[in-house]
Amino acid sequence: MDIEATVARRLSKAVGVPAYLEVPEGASDAFITVERIGGGGSMFEPCQLAVDCWAKKKQRKAAQALSERVSAAVYDLDEEPNLFHPEVTNTYRQNDPDTGRSRYIVQIQLWVCV
């Protein structure tokens, strides 16, 4: 199972913005990216993911609102087969240093059993 792609697809549908695994060229005003940041080596180790919530430059409130929608949608990830106990573990603001775009990051943890 490609956990990043699965979570990206599910969260995109839930929050109504495009989701990517890498930041695309010419990205829309609002989108999310999903990246595995740790864990998930076996079914006995939870997987940690970072969901970056992007908005245009100087659109902090838009990025924050998107992060809140993502956070609420995380708890429904267990409706996906083989995903268990999804939870938000951290949320913080970190604008992109290269582009200056506003960004909030939602860190999540879940168990994958395949």
C-alpha atoms as a PDB file:
ATOM      1  CA  MET A   1       0.000   0.000   0.000  1.00  0.00           C
ATOM      2  CA  ASP A   2       1.255   3.444  -0.914  1.00  0.00           C
ATOM      3  CA  ILE A   3       0.205   5.146   2.309  1.00  0.00           C
ATOM      4  CA  GLU A   4       1.070   8.650   1.084  1.00  0.00           C
ATOM      5  CA  ALA A   5      -1.063   8.294  -2.059  1.00  0.00           C
ATOM      6  CA  THR A   6      -3.930   6.689  -0.145  1.00  0.00           C
ATOM      7  CA  VAL A   7      -4.038   9.445   2.482  1.00  0.00           C
ATOM      8  CA  ALA A   8      -3.595  12.188  -0.131  1.00  0.00           C
ATOM      9  CA  ARG A   9      -6.518  10.866  -2.198  1.00  0.00           C
ATOM     10  CA  ARG A  10      -8.781  10.506   0.830  1.00  0.00           C
ATOM     11  CA  LEU A  11      -7.976  13.926   2.348  1.00  0.00           C
ATOM     12  CA  SER A  12      -8.288  15.662  -1.027  1.00  0.00           C
ATOM     13  CA  LYS A  13     -11.797  14.326  -1.418  1.00  0.00           C
ATOM     14  CA  ALA A  14     -12.711  15.269   2.168  1.00  0.00           C
ATOM     15  CA  VAL A  15     -11.427  18.866   2.108  1.00  0.00           C
ATOM     16  CA  GLY A  16     -12.051  19.719  -1.539  1.00  0.00           C
ATOM     17  CA  VAL A  17      -8.571  20.771  -2.673  1.00  0.00           C
ATOM     18  CA  PRO A  18      -6.017  18.993  -4.871  1.00  0.00           C
ATOM     19  CA  ALA A  19      -3.497  16.744  -3.114  1.00  0.00           C
ATOM     20  CA  TYR A  20       0.006  15.888  -4.281  1.00  0.00           C
ATOM     21  CA  LEU A  21       2.986  13.901  -3.089  1.00  0.00           C
ATOM     22  CA  GLU A  22       5.367  16.624  -4.333  1.00  0.00           C
ATOM     23  CA  VAL A  23       4.772  20.349  -4.750  1.00  0.00           C
ATOM     24  CA  PRO A  24       3.808  20.788  -8.415  1.00  0.00           C
ATOM     25  CA  GLU A  25       4.930  23.545 -10.753  1.00  0.00           C
ATOM     26  CA  GLY A  26       2.203  26.136 -11.135  1.00  0.00           C
ATOM     27  CA  ALA A  27       0.212  24.853  -8.176  1.00  0.00           C
ATOM     28  CA  SER A  28      -3.261  26.189  -7.497  1.00  0.00           C
ATOM     29  CA  ASP A  29      -3.948  28.734  -4.764  1.00  0.00           C
ATOM     30  CA  ALA A  30      -4.800  26.066  -2.178  1.00  0.00           C
ATOM     31  CA  PHE A  31      -3.634  22.455  -2.080  1.00  0.00           C
ATOM     32  CA  ILE A  32      -2.140  19.834   0.233  1.00  0.00           C
ATOM     33  CA  THR A  33       0.933  17.639   0.033  1.00  0.00           C
ATOM     34  CA  VAL A  34       1.396  14.392   1.949  1.00  0.00           C
ATOM     35  CA  GLU A  35       4.762  13.006   3.015  1.00  0.00           C
ATOM     36  CA  ARG A  36       5.705  10.062   5.204  1.00  0.00           C
ATOM     37  CA  ILE A  37       8.076  11.369   7.851  1.00  0.00           C
ATOM     38  CA  GLY A  38       8.644   8.234   9.895  1.00  0.00           C
ATOM     39  CA  GLY A  39       7.531   4.906  11.188  1.00  0.00           C
ATOM     40  CA  GLY A  40       5.458   2.386   9.358  1.00  0.00           C
ATOM     41  CA  GLY A  41       8.234  -0.171   9.082  1.00  0.00           C
ATOM     42  CA  SER A  42       5.852  -2.910  10.152  1.00  0.00           C
ATOM     43  CA  MET A  43       2.296  -3.362  11.388  1.00  0.00           C
ATOM     44  CA  PHE A  44       3.688  -3.032  14.910  1.00  0.00           C
ATOM     45  CA  GLU A  45       4.958   0.518  14.317  1.00  0.00           C
ATOM     46  CA  PRO A  46       2.667   3.487  13.613  1.00  0.00           C
ATOM     47  CA  CYS A  47       3.242   5.542  10.494  1.00  0.00           C
ATOM     48  CA  GLN A  48       3.781   9.296  10.806  1.00  0.00           C
ATOM     49  CA  LEU A  49       2.789  11.635   7.998  1.00  0.00           C
ATOM     50  CA  ALA A  50       3.057  15.371   7.431  1.00  0.00           C
ATOM     51  CA  VAL A  51       0.219  17.032   5.556  1.00  0.00           C
ATOM     52  CA  ASP A  52       1.296  20.451   4.324  1.00  0.00           C
ATOM     53  CA  CYS A  53      -1.623  22.828   3.832  1.00  0.00           C
ATOM     54  CA  TRP A  54      -0.709  25.476   1.261  1.00  0.00           C
ATOM     55  CA  ALA A  55      -2.157  28.881   0.400  1.00  0.00           C
ATOM     56  CA  LYS A  56      -0.882  31.910  -1.523  1.00  0.00           C
ATOM     57  CA  LYS A  57       1.697  34.330  -0.094  1.00  0.00           C
ATOM     58  CA  LYS A  58       0.451  36.274   2.911  1.00  0.00           C
ATOM     59  CA  GLN A  59      -2.633  34.074   3.203  1.00  0.00           C
ATOM     60  CA  ARG A  60      -1.932  32.689   6.674  1.00  0.00           C
ATOM     61  CA  LYS A  61      -5.593  32.510   7.643  1.00  0.00           C
ATOM     62  CA  ALA A  62      -6.472  30.556   4.489  1.00  0.00           C
ATOM     63  CA  ALA A  63      -3.675  28.050   5.197  1.00  0.00           C
ATOM     64  CA  GLN A  64      -4.801  27.768   8.808  1.00  0.00           C
ATOM     65  CA  ALA A  65      -8.428  27.181   7.795  1.00  0.00           C
ATOM     66  CA  LEU A  66      -7.315  24.448   5.398  1.00  0.00           C
ATOM     67  CA  SER A  67      -5.259  22.828   8.172  1.00  0.00           C
ATOM     68  CA  GLU A  68      -8.341  22.803  10.405  1.00  0.00           C
ATOM     69  CA  ARG A  69     -10.370  21.034   7.700  1.00  0.00           C
ATOM     70  CA  VAL A  70      -7.555  18.508   7.226  1.00  0.00           C
ATOM     71  CA  SER A  71      -7.343  17.916  10.988  1.00  0.00           C
ATOM     72  CA  ALA A  72     -11.063  17.211  11.167  1.00  0.00           C
ATOM     73  CA  ALA A  73     -10.880  14.819   8.196  1.00  0.00           C
ATOM     74  CA  VAL A  74      -7.973  12.810   9.640  1.00  0.00           C
ATOM     75  CA  TYR A  75     -10.237  10.929  12.023  1.00  0.00           C
ATOM     76  CA  ASP A  76     -12.218   9.474   9.095  1.00  0.00           C
ATOM     77  CA  LEU A  77      -9.122   7.875   7.558  1.00  0.00           C
ATOM     78  CA  ASP A  78      -9.979   4.665   9.408  1.00  0.00           C
ATOM     79  CA  GLU A  79     -12.831   4.200   6.924  1.00  0.00           C
ATOM     80  CA  GLU A  80     -10.100   3.249   4.439  1.00  0.00           C
ATOM     81  CA  PRO A  81      -9.309  -0.493   4.490  1.00  0.00           C
ATOM     82  CA  ASN A  82      -6.300  -1.449   6.641  1.00  0.00           C
ATOM     83  CA  LEU A  83      -5.912   1.977   8.306  1.00  0.00           C
ATOM     84  CA  PHE A  84      -6.475   2.200  12.052  1.00  0.00           C
ATOM     85  CA  HIS A  85      -6.473   4.770  14.865  1.00  0.00           C
ATOM     86  CA  PRO A  86      -5.661   7.927  12.884  1.00  0.00           C
ATOM     87  CA  GLU A  87      -4.901  10.949  15.023  1.00  0.00           C
ATOM     88  CA  VAL A  88      -3.482  14.436  14.739  1.00  0.00           C
ATOM     89  CA  THR A  89      -0.281  14.679  16.771  1.00  0.00           C
ATOM     90  CA  ASN A  90       0.807  18.248  16.002  1.00  0.00           C
ATOM     91  CA  THR A  91      -0.064  21.336  13.940  1.00  0.00           C
ATOM     92  CA  TYR A  92       2.215  24.279  13.302  1.00  0.00           C
ATOM     93  CA  ARG A  93       2.842  27.149  10.895  1.00  0.00           C
ATOM     94  CA  GLN A  94       5.918  27.171   8.666  1.00  0.00           C
ATOM     95  CA  ASN A  95       5.806  29.345   5.573  1.00  0.00           C
ATOM     96  CA  ASP A  96       7.755  27.956   2.623  1.00  0.00           C
ATOM     97  CA  PRO A  97      11.218  29.600   2.611  1.00  0.00           C
ATOM     98  CA  ASP A  98      11.656  29.195  -1.163  1.00  0.00           C
ATOM     99  CA  THR A  99       8.355  30.619  -2.384  1.00  0.00           C
ATOM    100  CA  GLY A 100       7.080  32.564   0.614  1.00  0.00           C
ATOM    101  CA  ARG A 101       3.735  30.774   0.354  1.00  0.00           C
ATOM    102  CA  SER A 102       1.721  30.436   3.536  1.00  0.00           C
ATOM    103  CA  ARG A 103       1.704  26.918   4.934  1.00  0.00           C
ATOM    104  CA  TYR A 104       0.495  25.032   7.982  1.00  0.00           C
ATOM    105  CA  ILE A 105       1.674  21.497   8.664  1.00  0.00           C
ATOM    106  CA  VAL A 106      -0.575  18.864  10.227  1.00  0.00           C
ATOM    107  CA  GLN A 107       1.295  15.852  11.559  1.00  0.00           C
ATOM    108  CA  ILE A 108      -0.693  12.668  11.819  1.00  0.00           C
ATOM    109  CA  GLN A 109      -0.124   9.146  13.046  1.00  0.00           C
ATOM    110  CA  LEU A 110      -1.950   5.995  12.029  1.00  0.00           C
ATOM    111  CA  TRP A 111      -1.515   2.256  12.010  1.00  0.00           C
ATOM    112  CA  VAL A 112      -1.306   0.370   8.720  1.00  0.00           C
ATOM    113  CA  CYS A 113      -2.052  -3.341   8.648  1.00  0.00           C
ATOM    114  CA  VAL A 114      -1.421  -5.008   5.289  1.00  0.00           C
END
